[in-house]
Amino acid sequence: MSGKDKDMPPVSREKVEVDGVYTNEAGQEQYLERGGMFPADEVLGTTEWRLREYDFDNHHDGRTDKRLVVKQEGHGKQDKLDPQYSNAED
């Protein structure tokens, strides 16, 4: 048996460890942030929660993250992108 068979999903009032969209036993989806608590259902009380979708902070606004843009010449990384060959003719 693998350890995966013994995993238990988080229940209400436990700490959220990963940002994302979670679904409870009733099928209700809710966005929860890391550090918060899993809420209890008004009718069911304490429920199990399952992570359905991770929250990725990508460039959905149409702008590329500045860390992903190639730096200007002389920064050090540019030499790796445009290698200077010693036997190249000038």
PDB file of N, CA and C in Angstrom:
ATOM      1  N   MET A   1       0.832  -1.192   0.000  1.00  0.00           N
ATOM      2  CA  MET A   1       0.000   0.000   0.000  1.00  0.00           C
ATOM      3  C   MET A   1       0.868   1.243   0.000  1.00  0.00           C
ATOM      4  N   SER A   2       0.445   2.216  -0.742  1.00  0.00           N
ATOM      5  CA  SER A   2       1.189   3.472  -0.767  1.00  0.00           C
ATOM      6  C   SER A   2       0.652   4.408   0.311  1.00  0.00           C
ATOM      7  N   GLY A   3       1.437   5.404   0.653  1.00  0.00           N
ATOM      8  CA  GLY A   3       1.019   6.380   1.647  1.00  0.00           C
ATOM      9  C   GLY A   3      -0.120   7.250   1.171  1.00  0.00           C
ATOM     10  N   LYS A   4      -0.334   7.299  -0.139  1.00  0.00           N
ATOM     11  CA  LYS A   4      -1.394   8.133  -0.692  1.00  0.00           C
ATOM     12  C   LYS A   4      -2.771   7.658  -0.233  1.00  0.00           C
ATOM     13  N   ASP A   5      -2.919   6.353  -0.013  1.00  0.00           N
ATOM     14  CA  ASP A   5      -4.196   5.808   0.426  1.00  0.00           C
ATOM     15  C   ASP A   5      -4.561   6.262   1.830  1.00  0.00           C
ATOM     16  N   LYS A   6      -3.583   6.705   2.590  1.00  0.00           N
ATOM     17  CA  LYS A   6      -3.818   7.059   3.988  1.00  0.00           C
ATOM     18  C   LYS A   6      -3.945   8.563   4.208  1.00  0.00           C
ATOM     19  N   ASP A   7      -3.838   9.358   3.149  1.00  0.00           N
ATOM     20  CA  ASP A   7      -3.966  10.804   3.284  1.00  0.00           C
ATOM     21  C   ASP A   7      -5.405  11.179   3.596  1.00  0.00           C
ATOM     22  N   MET A   8      -5.564  12.150   4.479  1.00  0.00           N
ATOM     23  CA  MET A   8      -6.901  12.649   4.802  1.00  0.00           C
ATOM     24  C   MET A   8      -6.997  14.093   4.339  1.00  0.00           C
ATOM     25  N   PRO A   9      -8.084  14.456   3.692  1.00  0.00           N
ATOM     26  CA  PRO A   9      -8.244  15.850   3.277  1.00  0.00           C
ATOM     27  C   PRO A   9      -8.464  16.737   4.497  1.00  0.00           C
ATOM     28  N   PRO A  10      -8.137  18.016   4.377  1.00  0.00           N
ATOM     29  CA  PRO A  10      -8.341  18.923   5.506  1.00  0.00           C
ATOM     30  C   PRO A  10      -9.827  19.095   5.807  1.00  0.00           C
ATOM     31  N   VAL A  11     -10.132  19.397   7.057  1.00  0.00           N
ATOM     32  CA  VAL A  11     -11.514  19.621   7.473  1.00  0.00           C
ATOM     33  C   VAL A  11     -11.656  21.049   7.983  1.00  0.00           C
ATOM     34  N   SER A  12     -12.882  21.450   8.211  1.00  0.00           N
ATOM     35  CA  SER A  12     -13.170  22.800   8.693  1.00  0.00           C
ATOM     36  C   SER A  12     -12.379  23.105   9.957  1.00  0.00           C
ATOM     37  N   ARG A  13     -12.003  24.351  10.088  1.00  0.00           N
ATOM     38  CA  ARG A  13     -11.242  24.909  11.206  1.00  0.00           C
ATOM     39  C   ARG A  13      -9.764  24.519  11.204  1.00  0.00           C
ATOM     40  N   GLU A  14      -9.297  23.839  10.148  1.00  0.00           N
ATOM     41  CA  GLU A  14      -7.864  23.584  10.004  1.00  0.00           C
ATOM     42  C   GLU A  14      -7.248  24.720   9.200  1.00  0.00           C
ATOM     43  N   LYS A  15      -5.939  24.871   9.298  1.00  0.00           N
ATOM     44  CA  LYS A  15      -5.225  25.951   8.625  1.00  0.00           C
ATOM     45  C   LYS A  15      -5.026  25.631   7.143  1.00  0.00           C
ATOM     46  N   VAL A  16      -5.267  26.631   6.283  1.00  0.00           N
ATOM     47  CA  VAL A  16      -5.060  26.492   4.837  1.00  0.00           C
ATOM     48  C   VAL A  16      -3.564  26.608   4.566  1.00  0.00           C
ATOM     49  N   GLU A  17      -3.000  25.642   3.834  1.00  0.00           N
ATOM     50  CA  GLU A  17      -1.564  25.642   3.561  1.00  0.00           C
ATOM     51  C   GLU A  17      -1.213  26.149   2.172  1.00  0.00           C
ATOM     52  N   VAL A  18      -2.179  26.137   1.219  1.00  0.00           N
ATOM     53  CA  VAL A  18      -1.906  26.517  -0.167  1.00  0.00           C
ATOM     54  C   VAL A  18      -3.039  27.398  -0.680  1.00  0.00           C
ATOM     55  N   ASP A  19      -2.694  28.524  -1.331  1.00  0.00           N
ATOM     56  CA  ASP A  19      -3.710  29.369  -1.965  1.00  0.00           C
ATOM     57  C   ASP A  19      -4.373  28.604  -3.094  1.00  0.00           C
ATOM     58  N   GLY A  20      -5.688  28.743  -3.219  1.00  0.00           N
ATOM     59  CA  GLY A  20      -6.363  28.092  -4.334  1.00  0.00           C
ATOM     60  C   GLY A  20      -7.857  27.996  -4.134  1.00  0.00           C
ATOM     61  N   VAL A  21      -8.504  27.334  -5.081  1.00  0.00           N
ATOM     62  CA  VAL A  21      -9.945  27.115  -5.032  1.00  0.00           C
ATOM     63  C   VAL A  21     -10.177  25.733  -4.434  1.00  0.00           C
ATOM     64  N   TYR A  22     -10.980  25.684  -3.394  1.00  0.00           N
ATOM     65  CA  TYR A  22     -11.290  24.442  -2.699  1.00  0.00           C
ATOM     66  C   TYR A  22     -12.774  24.132  -2.845  1.00  0.00           C
ATOM     67  N   THR A  23     -13.112  22.835  -2.780  1.00  0.00           N
ATOM     68  CA  THR A  23     -14.496  22.382  -2.850  1.00  0.00           C
ATOM     69  C   THR A  23     -14.792  21.569  -1.601  1.00  0.00           C
ATOM     70  N   ASN A  24     -15.962  21.836  -0.977  1.00  0.00           N
ATOM     71  CA  ASN A  24     -16.333  21.047   0.197  1.00  0.00           C
ATOM     72  C   ASN A  24     -17.222  19.876  -0.206  1.00  0.00           C
ATOM     73  N   GLU A  25     -17.705  19.120   0.773  1.00  0.00           N
ATOM     74  CA  GLU A  25     -18.502  17.923   0.502  1.00  0.00           C
ATOM     75  C   GLU A  25     -19.808  18.238  -0.220  1.00  0.00           C
ATOM     76  N   ALA A  26     -20.337  19.436  -0.028  1.00  0.00           N
ATOM     77  CA  ALA A  26     -21.591  19.828  -0.665  1.00  0.00           C
ATOM     78  C   ALA A  26     -21.366  20.309  -2.097  1.00  0.00           C
ATOM     79  N   GLY A  27     -20.105  20.398  -2.530  1.00  0.00           N
ATOM     80  CA  GLY A  27     -19.796  20.834  -3.886  1.00  0.00           C
ATOM     81  C   GLY A  27     -19.630  22.333  -4.028  1.00  0.00           C
ATOM     82  N   GLN A  28     -19.646  23.054  -2.924  1.00  0.00           N
ATOM     83  CA  GLN A  28     -19.483  24.507  -2.967  1.00  0.00           C
ATOM     84  C   GLN A  28     -18.008  24.846  -3.115  1.00  0.00           C
ATOM     85  N   GLU A  29     -17.708  25.724  -4.072  1.00  0.00           N
ATOM     86  CA  GLU A  29     -16.328  26.148  -4.300  1.00  0.00           C
ATOM     87  C   GLU A  29     -16.069  27.457  -3.581  1.00  0.00           C
ATOM     88  N   GLN A  30     -14.849  27.591  -3.071  1.00  0.00           N
ATOM     89  CA  GLN A  30     -14.479  28.821  -2.386  1.00  0.00           C
ATOM     90  C   GLN A  30     -12.982  29.034  -2.534  1.00  0.00           C
ATOM     91  N   TYR A  31     -12.591  30.297  -2.793  1.00  0.00           N
ATOM     92  CA  TYR A  31     -11.173  30.648  -2.868  1.00  0.00           C
ATOM     93  C   TYR A  31     -10.680  30.882  -1.449  1.00  0.00           C
ATOM     94  N   LEU A  32      -9.613  30.181  -1.071  1.00  0.00           N
ATOM     95  CA  LEU A  32      -9.045  30.324   0.266  1.00  0.00           C
ATOM     96  C   LEU A  32      -7.568  30.670   0.152  1.00  0.00           C
ATOM     97  N   GLU A  33      -7.108  31.523   1.067  1.00  0.00           N
ATOM     98  CA  GLU A  33      -5.714  31.956   1.062  1.00  0.00           C
ATOM     99  C   GLU A  33      -4.925  31.247   2.151  1.00  0.00           C
ATOM    100  N   ARG A  34      -3.648  31.087   1.893  1.00  0.00           N
ATOM    101  CA  ARG A  34      -2.735  30.445   2.836  1.00  0.00           C
ATOM    102  C   ARG A  34      -2.748  31.192   4.169  1.00  0.00           C
ATOM    103  N   GLY A  35      -2.792  30.447   5.252  1.00  0.00           N
ATOM    104  CA  GLY A  35      -2.796  31.041   6.584  1.00  0.00           C
ATOM    105  C   GLY A  35      -4.191  31.203   7.156  1.00  0.00           C
ATOM    106  N   GLY A  36      -5.215  31.148   6.304  1.00  0.00           N
ATOM    107  CA  GLY A  36      -6.594  31.253   6.770  1.00  0.00           C
ATOM    108  C   GLY A  36      -7.083  29.920   7.308  1.00  0.00           C
ATOM    109  N   MET A  37      -8.359  29.872   7.647  1.00  0.00           N
ATOM    110  CA  MET A  37      -8.961  28.643   8.165  1.00  0.00           C
ATOM    111  C   MET A  37     -10.028  28.146   7.201  1.00  0.00           C
ATOM    112  N   PHE A  38     -10.152  26.829   7.095  1.00  0.00           N
ATOM    113  CA  PHE A  38     -11.228  26.255   6.302  1.00  0.00           C
ATOM    114  C   PHE A  38     -12.541  26.532   7.029  1.00  0.00           C
ATOM    115  N   PRO A  39     -13.519  27.130   6.336  1.00  0.00           N
ATOM    116  CA  PRO A  39     -14.782  27.459   7.003  1.00  0.00           C
ATOM    117  C   PRO A  39     -15.674  26.232   7.172  1.00  0.00           C
ATOM    118  N   ALA A  40     -16.561  26.307   8.160  1.00  0.00           N
ATOM    119  CA  ALA A  40     -17.558  25.256   8.357  1.00  0.00           C
ATOM    120  C   ALA A  40     -18.786  25.593   7.518  1.00  0.00           C
ATOM    121  N   ASP A  41     -19.493  24.573   7.075  1.00  0.00           N
ATOM    122  CA  ASP A  41     -20.716  24.758   6.302  1.00  0.00           C
ATOM    123  C   ASP A  41     -21.858  25.068   7.266  1.00  0.00           C
ATOM    124  N   GLU A  42     -22.775  25.961   6.870  1.00  0.00           N
ATOM    125  CA  GLU A  42     -23.878  26.351   7.751  1.00  0.00           C
ATOM    126  C   GLU A  42     -24.821  25.187   8.038  1.00  0.00           C
ATOM    127  N   VAL A  43     -25.007  24.294   7.083  1.00  0.00           N
ATOM    128  CA  VAL A  43     -25.928  23.174   7.249  1.00  0.00           C
ATOM    129  C   VAL A  43     -25.197  21.915   7.723  1.00  0.00           C
ATOM    130  N   LEU A  44     -24.093  21.579   7.059  1.00  0.00           N
ATOM    131  CA  LEU A  44     -23.380  20.338   7.365  1.00  0.00           C
ATOM    132  C   LEU A  44     -22.453  20.447   8.573  1.00  0.00           C
ATOM    133  N   GLY A  45     -22.079  21.650   8.930  1.00  0.00           N
ATOM    134  CA  GLY A  45     -21.123  21.833  10.023  1.00  0.00           C
ATOM    135  C   GLY A  45     -19.703  21.610   9.526  1.00  0.00           C
ATOM    136  N   THR A  46     -18.956  20.748  10.190  1.00  0.00           N
ATOM    137  CA  THR A  46     -17.581  20.449   9.802  1.00  0.00           C
ATOM    138  C   THR A  46     -17.576  19.604   8.535  1.00  0.00           C
ATOM    139  N   THR A  47     -16.843  20.058   7.518  1.00  0.00           N
ATOM    140  CA  THR A  47     -16.789  19.341   6.240  1.00  0.00           C
ATOM    141  C   THR A  47     -15.351  19.153   5.791  1.00  0.00           C
ATOM    142  N   GLU A  48     -15.153  18.218   4.875  1.00  0.00           N
ATOM    143  CA  GLU A  48     -13.847  18.008   4.260  1.00  0.00           C
ATOM    144  C   GLU A  48     -13.707  18.948   3.074  1.00  0.00           C
ATOM    145  N   TRP A  49     -12.477  19.378   2.811  1.00  0.00           N
ATOM    146  CA  TRP A  49     -12.194  20.278   1.692  1.00  0.00           C
ATOM    147  C   TRP A  49     -11.160  19.639   0.785  1.00  0.00           C
ATOM    148  N   ARG A  50     -11.327  19.826  -0.514  1.00  0.00           N
ATOM    149  CA  ARG A  50     -10.368  19.304  -1.497  1.00  0.00           C
ATOM    150  C   ARG A  50      -9.905  20.450  -2.397  1.00  0.00           C
ATOM    151  N   LEU A  51      -8.598  20.498  -2.629  1.00  0.00           N
ATOM    152  CA  LEU A  51      -8.019  21.513  -3.506  1.00  0.00           C
ATOM    153  C   LEU A  51      -8.364  21.171  -4.947  1.00  0.00           C
ATOM    154  N   ARG A  52      -8.988  22.109  -5.653  1.00  0.00           N
ATOM    155  CA  ARG A  52      -9.385  21.892  -7.043  1.00  0.00           C
ATOM    156  C   ARG A  52      -8.506  22.656  -8.021  1.00  0.00           C
ATOM    157  N   GLU A  53      -8.004  23.823  -7.615  1.00  0.00           N
ATOM    158  CA  GLU A  53      -7.222  24.653  -8.533  1.00  0.00           C
ATOM    159  C   GLU A  53      -6.228  25.490  -7.736  1.00  0.00           C
ATOM    160  N   TYR A  54      -4.956  25.402  -8.124  1.00  0.00           N
ATOM    161  CA  TYR A  54      -3.928  26.231  -7.496  1.00  0.00           C
ATOM    162  C   TYR A  54      -4.077  27.674  -7.955  1.00  0.00           C
ATOM    163  N   ASP A  55      -3.634  28.594  -7.101  1.00  0.00           N
ATOM    164  CA  ASP A  55      -3.625  30.004  -7.461  1.00  0.00           C
ATOM    165  C   ASP A  55      -2.223  30.360  -7.933  1.00  0.00           C
ATOM    166  N   PHE A  56      -2.090  30.620  -9.228  1.00  0.00           N
ATOM    167  CA  PHE A  56      -0.809  31.014  -9.790  1.00  0.00           C
ATOM    168  C   PHE A  56      -0.859  32.496 -10.107  1.00  0.00           C
ATOM    169  N   ASP A  57       0.161  33.228  -9.687  1.00  0.00           N
ATOM    170  CA  ASP A  57       0.230  34.657  -9.959  1.00  0.00           C
ATOM    171  C   ASP A  57       0.988  34.848 -11.264  1.00  0.00           C
ATOM    172  N   ASN A  58       0.324  34.587 -12.366  1.00  0.00           N
ATOM    173  CA  ASN A  58       0.937  34.706 -13.686  1.00  0.00           C
ATOM    174  C   ASN A  58       0.623  36.059 -14.298  1.00  0.00           C
ATOM    175  N   HIS A  59       0.933  36.198 -15.553  1.00  0.00           N
ATOM    176  CA  HIS A  59       0.718  37.464 -16.249  1.00  0.00           C
ATOM    177  C   HIS A  59      -0.639  37.461 -16.950  1.00  0.00           C
ATOM    178  N   HIS A  60      -1.711  37.247 -16.202  1.00  0.00           N
ATOM    179  CA  HIS A  60      -3.050  37.238 -16.775  1.00  0.00           C
ATOM    180  C   HIS A  60      -3.514  38.640 -17.178  1.00  0.00           C
ATOM    181  N   ASP A  61      -2.850  39.659 -16.646  1.00  0.00           N
ATOM    182  CA  ASP A  61      -3.229  41.029 -16.980  1.00  0.00           C
ATOM    183  C   ASP A  61      -2.629  41.472 -18.302  1.00  0.00           C
ATOM    184  N   GLY A  62      -1.918  40.595 -18.991  1.00  0.00           N
ATOM    185  CA  GLY A  62      -1.322  40.944 -20.269  1.00  0.00           C
ATOM    186  C   GLY A  62       0.078  41.508 -20.145  1.00  0.00           C
ATOM    187  N   ARG A  63       0.618  41.522 -18.933  1.00  0.00           N
ATOM    188  CA  ARG A  63       1.972  42.031 -18.719  1.00  0.00           C
ATOM    189  C   ARG A  63       2.861  40.875 -18.280  1.00  0.00           C
ATOM    190  N   THR A  64       4.046  40.812 -18.861  1.00  0.00           N
ATOM    191  CA  THR A  64       5.001  39.775 -18.489  1.00  0.00           C
ATOM    192  C   THR A  64       5.730  40.194 -17.223  1.00  0.00           C
ATOM    193  N   ASP A  65       5.930  39.262 -16.335  1.00  0.00           N
ATOM    194  CA  ASP A  65       6.651  39.515 -15.099  1.00  0.00           C
ATOM    195  C   ASP A  65       8.045  40.034 -15.443  1.00  0.00           C
ATOM    196  N   LYS A  66       8.476  41.102 -14.796  1.00  0.00           N
ATOM    197  CA  LYS A  66       9.775  41.723 -15.094  1.00  0.00           C
ATOM    198  C   LYS A  66      10.934  40.763 -14.881  1.00  0.00           C
ATOM    199  N   ARG A  67      10.767  39.784 -14.014  1.00  0.00           N
ATOM    200  CA  ARG A  67      11.840  38.820 -13.763  1.00  0.00           C
ATOM    201  C   ARG A  67      12.058  37.898 -14.953  1.00  0.00           C
ATOM    202  N   LEU A  68      11.086  37.818 -15.870  1.00  0.00           N
ATOM    203  CA  LEU A  68      11.192  36.923 -17.016  1.00  0.00           C
ATOM    204  C   LEU A  68      11.705  37.615 -18.271  1.00  0.00           C
ATOM    205  N   VAL A  69      11.861  38.934 -18.225  1.00  0.00           N
ATOM    206  CA  VAL A  69      12.316  39.696 -19.382  1.00  0.00           C
ATOM    207  C   VAL A  69      13.839  39.693 -19.418  1.00  0.00           C
ATOM    208  N   VAL A  70      14.426  39.518 -20.619  1.00  0.00           N
ATOM    209  CA  VAL A  70      15.881  39.518 -20.777  1.00  0.00           C
ATOM    210  C   VAL A  70      16.423  40.892 -20.417  1.00  0.00           C
ATOM    211  N   LYS A  71      17.482  40.898 -19.641  1.00  0.00           N
ATOM    212  CA  LYS A  71      18.092  42.152 -19.189  1.00  0.00           C
ATOM    213  C   LYS A  71      18.853  42.824 -20.327  1.00  0.00           C
ATOM    214  N   GLN A  72      19.196  44.080 -20.137  1.00  0.00           N
ATOM    215  CA  GLN A  72      19.930  44.832 -21.149  1.00  0.00           C
ATOM    216  C   GLN A  72      21.382  44.369 -21.191  1.00  0.00           C
ATOM    217  N   GLU A  73      22.082  44.742 -22.250  1.00  0.00           N
ATOM    218  CA  GLU A  73      23.478  44.334 -22.427  1.00  0.00           C
ATOM    219  C   GLU A  73      24.330  44.797 -21.251  1.00  0.00           C
ATOM    220  N   GLY A  74      25.359  43.996 -20.963  1.00  0.00           N
ATOM    221  CA  GLY A  74      26.271  44.346 -19.885  1.00  0.00           C
ATOM    222  C   GLY A  74      25.798  43.868 -18.526  1.00  0.00           C
ATOM    223  N   HIS A  75      24.685  43.180 -18.478  1.00  0.00           N
ATOM    224  CA  HIS A  75      24.157  42.717 -17.204  1.00  0.00           C
ATOM    225  C   HIS A  75      24.763  41.389 -16.779  1.00  0.00           C
ATOM    226  N   GLY A  76      25.365  40.657 -17.723  1.00  0.00           N
ATOM    227  CA  GLY A  76      25.982  39.377 -17.400  1.00  0.00           C
ATOM    228  C   GLY A  76      25.218  38.215 -18.006  1.00  0.00           C
ATOM    229  N   LYS A  77      23.914  38.282 -18.000  1.00  0.00           N
ATOM    230  CA  LYS A  77      23.105  37.210 -18.578  1.00  0.00           C
ATOM    231  C   LYS A  77      23.081  37.328 -20.097  1.00  0.00           C
ATOM    232  N   GLN A  78      23.284  38.520 -20.630  1.00  0.00           N
ATOM    233  CA  GLN A  78      23.228  38.742 -22.072  1.00  0.00           C
ATOM    234  C   GLN A  78      24.320  37.957 -22.788  1.00  0.00           C
ATOM    235  N   ASP A  79      25.496  37.806 -22.156  1.00  0.00           N
ATOM    236  CA  ASP A  79      26.593  37.059 -22.773  1.00  0.00           C
ATOM    237  C   ASP A  79      26.198  35.611 -23.027  1.00  0.00           C
ATOM    238  N   LYS A  80      25.374  35.055 -22.173  1.00  0.00           N
ATOM    239  CA  LYS A  80      24.936  33.677 -22.359  1.00  0.00           C
ATOM    240  C   LYS A  80      23.946  33.565 -23.509  1.00  0.00           C
ATOM    241  N   LEU A  81      23.174  34.628 -23.743  1.00  0.00           N
ATOM    242  CA  LEU A  81      22.188  34.607 -24.814  1.00  0.00           C
ATOM    243  C   LEU A  81      22.823  34.863 -26.173  1.00  0.00           C
ATOM    244  N   ASP A  82      23.823  35.747 -26.223  1.00  0.00           N
ATOM    245  CA  ASP A  82      24.533  36.070 -27.459  1.00  0.00           C
ATOM    246  C   ASP A  82      26.013  35.745 -27.258  1.00  0.00           C
ATOM    247  N   PRO A  83      26.418  34.485 -27.399  1.00  0.00           N
ATOM    248  CA  PRO A  83      27.813  34.117 -27.122  1.00  0.00           C
ATOM    249  C   PRO A  83      28.775  34.759 -28.120  1.00  0.00           C
ATOM    250  N   GLN A  84      29.922  35.143 -27.620  1.00  0.00           N
ATOM    251  CA  GLN A  84      30.968  35.729 -28.444  1.00  0.00           C
ATOM    252  C   GLN A  84      31.966  34.623 -28.773  1.00  0.00           C
ATOM    253  N   TYR A  85      32.075  34.256 -30.047  1.00  0.00           N
ATOM    254  CA  TYR A  85      32.984  33.195 -30.462  1.00  0.00           C
ATOM    255  C   TYR A  85      34.354  33.789 -30.763  1.00  0.00           C
ATOM    256  N   SER A  86      35.391  33.162 -30.246  1.00  0.00           N
ATOM    257  CA  SER A  86      36.743  33.692 -30.419  1.00  0.00           C
ATOM    258  C   SER A  86      37.250  33.513 -31.850  1.00  0.00           C
ATOM    259  N   ASN A  87      36.724  32.545 -32.587  1.00  0.00           N
ATOM    260  CA  ASN A  87      37.201  32.329 -33.944  1.00  0.00           C
ATOM    261  C   ASN A  87      36.277  32.973 -34.991  1.00  0.00           C
ATOM    262  N   ALA A  88      35.348  33.800 -34.556  1.00  0.00           N
ATOM    263  CA  ALA A  88      34.435  34.458 -35.499  1.00  0.00           C
ATOM    264  C   ALA A  88      35.160  35.587 -36.218  1.00  0.00           C
ATOM    265  N   GLU A  89      34.855  35.752 -37.503  1.00  0.00           N
ATOM    266  CA  GLU A  89      35.471  36.824 -38.282  1.00  0.00           C
ATOM    267  C   GLU A  89      34.737  38.128 -38.016  1.00  0.00           C
ATOM    268  N   ASP A  90      35.497  39.212 -37.890  1.00  0.00           N
ATOM    269  CA  ASP A  90      34.895  40.529 -37.628  1.00  0.00           C
ATOM    270  C   ASP A  90      34.582  41.255 -38.897  1.00  0.00           C
TER     271      ASP A  90
END
